[in-house]
């Protein structure tokens, strides 16, 4: 992040990053690099914002698939589904530390605003 200057950062989670989400969020603030993540836990850990599929909703929907399979449905016959519920989480504390002001229209659209 520091060797190749960037205007912003988009982080797609994996197990390595997820386990270090607080440190990653802290680094982005220290280096004044606005970052967007795809899981709410990153914004809760201090990341600027997160936008992605609602994991709890996806787990609930997966449970319906498990139920259908346990009732005898063939997995190959079940349709592939895309996420239908997405969350936008904004972290105002981090925005202030970065000198960023979210537009009012974005604040209205947010599912959660962390103060």
N, C-alpha and C. Protein backbone atom coordinates (compact mmCIF):
# COMPACT_ATOMS: atom_id res chain seq x y z
N UNK A 1 0.82 -1.20 0.00
CA UNK A 1 0.00 0.00 0.00
C UNK A 1 0.86 1.26 0.00
N UNK A 2 2.02 1.17 0.62
CA UNK A 2 2.84 2.38 0.72
C UNK A 2 3.83 2.51 -0.43
N UNK A 3 4.25 1.39 -1.01
CA UNK A 3 5.21 1.46 -2.11
C UNK A 3 4.58 1.97 -3.39
N UNK A 4 3.39 1.54 -3.68
CA UNK A 4 2.66 1.94 -4.89
C UNK A 4 1.48 2.79 -4.46
N UNK A 5 1.61 4.11 -4.48
CA UNK A 5 0.52 4.97 -4.00
C UNK A 5 -0.80 4.67 -4.71
N UNK A 6 -1.84 4.66 -3.91
CA UNK A 6 -3.19 4.41 -4.43
C UNK A 6 -4.14 5.43 -3.83
N UNK A 7 -5.25 5.65 -4.50
CA UNK A 7 -6.27 6.57 -3.98
C UNK A 7 -7.23 5.87 -3.04
N UNK A 8 -7.38 4.56 -3.20
CA UNK A 8 -8.30 3.80 -2.36
C UNK A 8 -7.94 2.32 -2.46
N UNK A 9 -8.58 1.53 -1.62
CA UNK A 9 -8.30 0.10 -1.57
C UNK A 9 -9.61 -0.66 -1.47
N UNK A 10 -9.75 -1.73 -2.22
CA UNK A 10 -10.89 -2.64 -2.10
C UNK A 10 -10.33 -3.97 -1.65
N UNK A 11 -10.83 -4.48 -0.54
CA UNK A 11 -10.32 -5.72 0.03
C UNK A 11 -11.40 -6.79 -0.05
N UNK A 12 -11.08 -7.86 -0.76
CA UNK A 12 -11.97 -9.02 -0.80
C UNK A 12 -11.42 -9.99 0.22
N UNK A 13 -12.25 -10.38 1.13
CA UNK A 13 -11.81 -11.17 2.28
C UNK A 13 -11.37 -12.57 1.92
N UNK A 14 -10.44 -13.03 2.70
CA UNK A 14 -10.09 -14.44 2.75
C UNK A 14 -9.70 -14.71 4.21
N UNK A 15 -9.43 -15.94 4.53
CA UNK A 15 -9.13 -16.28 5.92
C UNK A 15 -7.93 -15.51 6.47
N UNK A 16 -6.92 -15.30 5.67
CA UNK A 16 -5.74 -14.58 6.13
C UNK A 16 -6.10 -13.14 6.50
N UNK A 17 -6.82 -12.45 5.63
CA UNK A 17 -7.20 -11.07 5.91
C UNK A 17 -8.21 -10.99 7.05
N UNK A 18 -9.17 -11.89 7.06
CA UNK A 18 -10.23 -11.83 8.07
C UNK A 18 -9.66 -11.91 9.47
N UNK A 19 -8.71 -12.76 9.67
CA UNK A 19 -8.11 -12.90 10.99
C UNK A 19 -7.34 -11.68 11.45
N UNK A 20 -6.98 -10.84 10.50
CA UNK A 20 -6.21 -9.62 10.81
C UNK A 20 -6.98 -8.36 10.42
N UNK A 21 -8.30 -8.43 10.47
CA UNK A 21 -9.11 -7.30 9.99
C UNK A 21 -8.88 -6.03 10.79
N UNK A 22 -8.68 -6.13 12.10
CA UNK A 22 -8.43 -4.92 12.90
C UNK A 22 -7.12 -4.26 12.50
N UNK A 23 -6.09 -5.07 12.33
CA UNK A 23 -4.79 -4.53 11.93
C UNK A 23 -4.86 -3.93 10.52
N UNK A 24 -5.57 -4.60 9.62
CA UNK A 24 -5.72 -4.09 8.26
C UNK A 24 -6.46 -2.76 8.26
N UNK A 25 -7.52 -2.67 9.04
CA UNK A 25 -8.27 -1.41 9.14
C UNK A 25 -7.39 -0.31 9.72
N UNK A 26 -6.62 -0.64 10.74
CA UNK A 26 -5.74 0.34 11.36
C UNK A 26 -4.67 0.83 10.38
N UNK A 27 -4.13 -0.07 9.58
CA UNK A 27 -3.14 0.31 8.56
C UNK A 27 -3.73 1.27 7.53
N UNK A 28 -4.95 1.00 7.11
CA UNK A 28 -5.56 1.89 6.10
C UNK A 28 -5.77 3.29 6.66
N UNK A 29 -6.11 3.38 7.94
CA UNK A 29 -6.29 4.70 8.55
C UNK A 29 -4.93 5.38 8.74
N UNK A 30 -3.95 4.63 9.22
CA UNK A 30 -2.61 5.20 9.44
C UNK A 30 -2.04 5.77 8.15
N UNK A 31 -2.26 5.07 7.04
CA UNK A 31 -1.73 5.52 5.75
C UNK A 31 -2.74 6.35 4.96
N UNK A 32 -3.83 6.73 5.65
CA UNK A 32 -4.86 7.61 5.05
C UNK A 32 -5.35 7.08 3.71
N UNK A 33 -5.67 5.80 3.70
CA UNK A 33 -6.12 5.12 2.49
C UNK A 33 -7.56 4.64 2.68
N UNK A 34 -8.52 5.30 2.05
CA UNK A 34 -9.90 4.83 2.17
C UNK A 34 -10.02 3.40 1.64
N UNK A 35 -10.70 2.56 2.41
CA UNK A 35 -10.80 1.15 2.02
C UNK A 35 -12.24 0.66 2.14
N UNK A 36 -12.63 -0.13 1.19
CA UNK A 36 -13.95 -0.76 1.21
C UNK A 36 -13.75 -2.27 1.29
N UNK A 37 -14.52 -2.88 2.15
CA UNK A 37 -14.44 -4.32 2.38
C UNK A 37 -15.77 -4.95 1.99
N UNK A 38 -15.83 -6.27 1.97
CA UNK A 38 -17.10 -6.88 1.58
C UNK A 38 -17.84 -7.55 2.73
N UNK A 39 -17.28 -7.52 3.92
CA UNK A 39 -17.96 -8.09 5.09
C UNK A 39 -18.11 -7.03 6.17
N UNK A 40 -19.25 -7.04 6.81
CA UNK A 40 -19.56 -6.06 7.86
C UNK A 40 -18.53 -6.08 8.99
N UNK A 41 -17.95 -7.24 9.27
CA UNK A 41 -16.99 -7.35 10.36
C UNK A 41 -15.78 -6.43 10.18
N UNK A 42 -15.43 -6.14 8.94
CA UNK A 42 -14.32 -5.22 8.68
C UNK A 42 -14.68 -3.80 9.10
N UNK A 43 -15.87 -3.35 8.78
CA UNK A 43 -16.30 -2.01 9.19
C UNK A 43 -16.44 -1.95 10.70
N UNK A 44 -16.92 -3.02 11.31
CA UNK A 44 -17.03 -3.07 12.76
C UNK A 44 -15.65 -3.03 13.42
N UNK A 45 -14.63 -3.53 12.71
CA UNK A 45 -13.25 -3.54 13.23
C UNK A 45 -12.52 -2.23 12.95
N UNK A 46 -13.18 -1.27 12.29
CA UNK A 46 -12.55 0.02 12.03
C UNK A 46 -12.36 0.35 10.57
N UNK A 47 -12.77 -0.52 9.67
CA UNK A 47 -12.70 -0.22 8.25
C UNK A 47 -13.68 0.88 7.88
N UNK A 48 -13.39 1.61 6.83
CA UNK A 48 -14.23 2.74 6.42
C UNK A 48 -15.64 2.30 6.04
N UNK A 49 -15.74 1.27 5.21
CA UNK A 49 -17.07 0.85 4.77
C UNK A 49 -17.03 -0.59 4.30
N UNK A 50 -18.20 -1.20 4.30
CA UNK A 50 -18.33 -2.57 3.80
C UNK A 50 -19.61 -2.67 2.98
N UNK A 51 -19.51 -3.38 1.88
CA UNK A 51 -20.69 -3.65 1.05
C UNK A 51 -20.57 -5.06 0.52
N UNK A 52 -21.55 -5.87 0.83
CA UNK A 52 -21.51 -7.25 0.35
C UNK A 52 -22.76 -8.01 0.74
N UNK A 53 -22.81 -9.24 0.29
CA UNK A 53 -23.96 -10.09 0.57
C UNK A 53 -24.09 -10.30 2.08
N UNK A 54 -25.32 -10.32 2.54
CA UNK A 54 -25.63 -10.54 3.95
C UNK A 54 -25.37 -12.02 4.26
N UNK A 55 -24.32 -12.29 5.03
CA UNK A 55 -23.91 -13.67 5.31
C UNK A 55 -24.99 -14.43 6.06
N UNK A 56 -25.64 -13.80 7.03
CA UNK A 56 -26.69 -14.48 7.80
C UNK A 56 -27.83 -14.91 6.87
N UNK A 57 -28.19 -14.06 5.93
CA UNK A 57 -29.24 -14.41 4.96
C UNK A 57 -28.81 -15.58 4.09
N UNK A 58 -27.56 -15.58 3.67
CA UNK A 58 -27.06 -16.68 2.84
C UNK A 58 -27.06 -18.00 3.62
N UNK A 59 -26.71 -17.96 4.90
CA UNK A 59 -26.73 -19.18 5.71
C UNK A 59 -28.15 -19.70 5.88
N UNK A 60 -29.11 -18.78 6.09
CA UNK A 60 -30.51 -19.21 6.21
C UNK A 60 -30.98 -19.88 4.92
N UNK A 61 -30.61 -19.27 3.81
CA UNK A 61 -31.02 -19.84 2.52
C UNK A 61 -30.34 -21.18 2.27
N UNK A 62 -29.09 -21.32 2.70
CA UNK A 62 -28.40 -22.60 2.55
C UNK A 62 -29.09 -23.68 3.39
N UNK A 63 -29.61 -23.30 4.54
CA UNK A 63 -30.31 -24.27 5.39
C UNK A 63 -31.53 -24.84 4.68
N UNK A 64 -32.20 -24.02 3.87
CA UNK A 64 -33.36 -24.55 3.14
C UNK A 64 -32.91 -25.59 2.11
N UNK A 65 -31.74 -25.40 1.56
CA UNK A 65 -31.19 -26.40 0.63
C UNK A 65 -30.89 -27.71 1.36
N UNK A 66 -30.27 -27.59 2.53
CA UNK A 66 -29.97 -28.78 3.33
C UNK A 66 -31.26 -29.52 3.65
N UNK A 67 -32.29 -28.78 4.05
CA UNK A 67 -33.58 -29.40 4.36
C UNK A 67 -34.14 -30.14 3.15
N UNK A 68 -34.10 -29.51 1.99
CA UNK A 68 -34.61 -30.16 0.77
C UNK A 68 -33.84 -31.44 0.45
N UNK A 69 -32.53 -31.39 0.60
CA UNK A 69 -31.70 -32.57 0.32
C UNK A 69 -32.00 -33.69 1.31
N UNK A 70 -32.16 -33.32 2.58
CA UNK A 70 -32.48 -34.32 3.59
C UNK A 70 -33.87 -34.93 3.37
N UNK A 71 -34.73 -34.19 2.68
CA UNK A 71 -36.07 -34.69 2.37
C UNK A 71 -36.08 -35.50 1.08
N UNK A 72 -34.91 -35.65 0.44
CA UNK A 72 -34.82 -36.50 -0.73
C UNK A 72 -34.57 -35.81 -2.06
N UNK A 73 -34.49 -34.48 -2.07
CA UNK A 73 -34.23 -33.77 -3.33
C UNK A 73 -32.81 -34.08 -3.80
N UNK A 74 -32.66 -34.16 -5.09
CA UNK A 74 -31.33 -34.37 -5.67
C UNK A 74 -30.64 -33.01 -5.78
N UNK A 75 -29.44 -32.89 -5.24
CA UNK A 75 -28.73 -31.61 -5.30
C UNK A 75 -28.61 -31.06 -6.73
N UNK A 76 -28.40 -31.93 -7.70
CA UNK A 76 -28.25 -31.48 -9.09
C UNK A 76 -29.53 -30.86 -9.63
N UNK A 77 -30.67 -31.18 -9.01
CA UNK A 77 -31.95 -30.64 -9.47
C UNK A 77 -32.29 -29.29 -8.84
N UNK A 78 -31.54 -28.91 -7.83
CA UNK A 78 -31.81 -27.64 -7.15
C UNK A 78 -31.18 -26.49 -7.93
N UNK A 79 -31.88 -25.38 -8.05
CA UNK A 79 -31.32 -24.25 -8.81
C UNK A 79 -30.19 -23.57 -8.05
N UNK A 80 -29.27 -23.01 -8.80
CA UNK A 80 -28.20 -22.19 -8.22
C UNK A 80 -28.81 -20.83 -7.93
N UNK A 81 -28.55 -20.32 -6.74
CA UNK A 81 -29.10 -19.02 -6.35
C UNK A 81 -27.99 -18.00 -6.16
N UNK A 82 -28.32 -16.78 -6.45
CA UNK A 82 -27.43 -15.64 -6.21
C UNK A 82 -27.87 -14.97 -4.92
N UNK A 83 -26.97 -14.27 -4.24
CA UNK A 83 -27.40 -13.50 -3.06
C UNK A 83 -28.47 -12.48 -3.46
N UNK A 84 -29.40 -12.25 -2.57
CA UNK A 84 -30.46 -11.29 -2.85
C UNK A 84 -30.48 -10.14 -1.86
N UNK A 85 -29.79 -10.29 -0.74
CA UNK A 85 -29.77 -9.24 0.28
C UNK A 85 -28.32 -8.80 0.47
N UNK A 86 -28.09 -7.51 0.36
CA UNK A 86 -26.76 -6.93 0.51
C UNK A 86 -26.79 -5.88 1.61
N UNK A 87 -25.67 -5.74 2.30
CA UNK A 87 -25.55 -4.77 3.39
C UNK A 87 -24.52 -3.71 3.02
N UNK A 88 -24.84 -2.47 3.37
CA UNK A 88 -23.90 -1.35 3.26
C UNK A 88 -23.70 -0.81 4.66
N UNK A 89 -22.47 -0.91 5.16
CA UNK A 89 -22.14 -0.44 6.49
C UNK A 89 -21.09 0.66 6.37
N UNK A 90 -21.34 1.79 7.00
CA UNK A 90 -20.44 2.94 6.96
C UNK A 90 -19.91 3.21 8.36
N UNK A 91 -18.62 3.51 8.47
CA UNK A 91 -18.00 3.79 9.75
C UNK A 91 -17.65 5.28 9.81
N UNK A 92 -18.47 6.04 10.55
CA UNK A 92 -18.26 7.49 10.63
C UNK A 92 -16.99 7.87 11.38
N UNK A 93 -16.62 7.09 12.39
CA UNK A 93 -15.40 7.38 13.14
C UNK A 93 -14.18 7.29 12.22
N UNK A 94 -14.14 6.26 11.40
CA UNK A 94 -13.02 6.10 10.47
C UNK A 94 -13.06 7.18 9.39
N UNK A 95 -14.25 7.50 8.92
CA UNK A 95 -14.39 8.56 7.91
C UNK A 95 -13.83 9.87 8.46
N UNK A 96 -14.15 10.18 9.70
CA UNK A 96 -13.64 11.42 10.31
C UNK A 96 -12.12 11.38 10.41
N UNK A 97 -11.56 10.23 10.79
CA UNK A 97 -10.10 10.10 10.90
C UNK A 97 -9.42 10.29 9.55
N UNK A 98 -10.13 9.92 8.47
CA UNK A 98 -9.57 10.06 7.12
C UNK A 98 -9.92 11.40 6.47
N UNK A 99 -10.73 12.21 7.16
CA UNK A 99 -11.15 13.49 6.60
C UNK A 99 -12.17 13.33 5.49
N UNK A 100 -12.97 12.29 5.57
CA UNK A 100 -13.98 12.00 4.54
C UNK A 100 -15.37 12.28 5.11
N UNK A 101 -16.20 12.89 4.30
CA UNK A 101 -17.60 13.11 4.66
C UNK A 101 -18.46 12.31 3.69
N UNK A 102 -19.25 11.41 4.24
CA UNK A 102 -20.17 10.65 3.40
C UNK A 102 -21.31 11.55 2.95
N UNK A 103 -21.70 11.48 1.68
CA UNK A 103 -22.85 12.26 1.22
C UNK A 103 -24.12 11.81 1.96
N UNK A 104 -25.02 12.75 2.24
CA UNK A 104 -26.26 12.40 2.95
C UNK A 104 -27.04 11.28 2.25
N UNK A 105 -27.02 11.26 0.92
CA UNK A 105 -27.76 10.21 0.20
C UNK A 105 -27.17 8.83 0.50
N UNK A 106 -25.86 8.73 0.70
CA UNK A 106 -25.24 7.46 1.02
C UNK A 106 -25.57 7.05 2.45
N UNK A 107 -25.59 8.02 3.36
CA UNK A 107 -25.95 7.73 4.75
C UNK A 107 -27.38 7.20 4.85
N UNK A 108 -28.26 7.72 4.03
CA UNK A 108 -29.66 7.26 4.02
C UNK A 108 -29.77 5.84 3.50
N UNK A 109 -28.93 5.50 2.53
CA UNK A 109 -28.97 4.17 1.92
C UNK A 109 -28.32 3.10 2.79
N UNK A 110 -27.49 3.51 3.74
CA UNK A 110 -26.74 2.55 4.54
C UNK A 110 -27.67 1.70 5.41
N UNK A 111 -27.34 0.43 5.53
CA UNK A 111 -28.07 -0.46 6.42
C UNK A 111 -27.67 -0.22 7.87
N UNK A 112 -26.42 0.22 8.05
CA UNK A 112 -25.91 0.51 9.40
C UNK A 112 -24.85 1.59 9.28
N UNK A 113 -24.89 2.51 10.25
CA UNK A 113 -23.88 3.57 10.34
C UNK A 113 -23.23 3.43 11.71
N UNK A 114 -21.95 3.15 11.72
CA UNK A 114 -21.21 3.00 12.97
C UNK A 114 -20.69 4.37 13.37
N UNK A 115 -21.00 4.77 14.62
CA UNK A 115 -20.60 6.11 15.07
C UNK A 115 -19.43 6.04 15.98
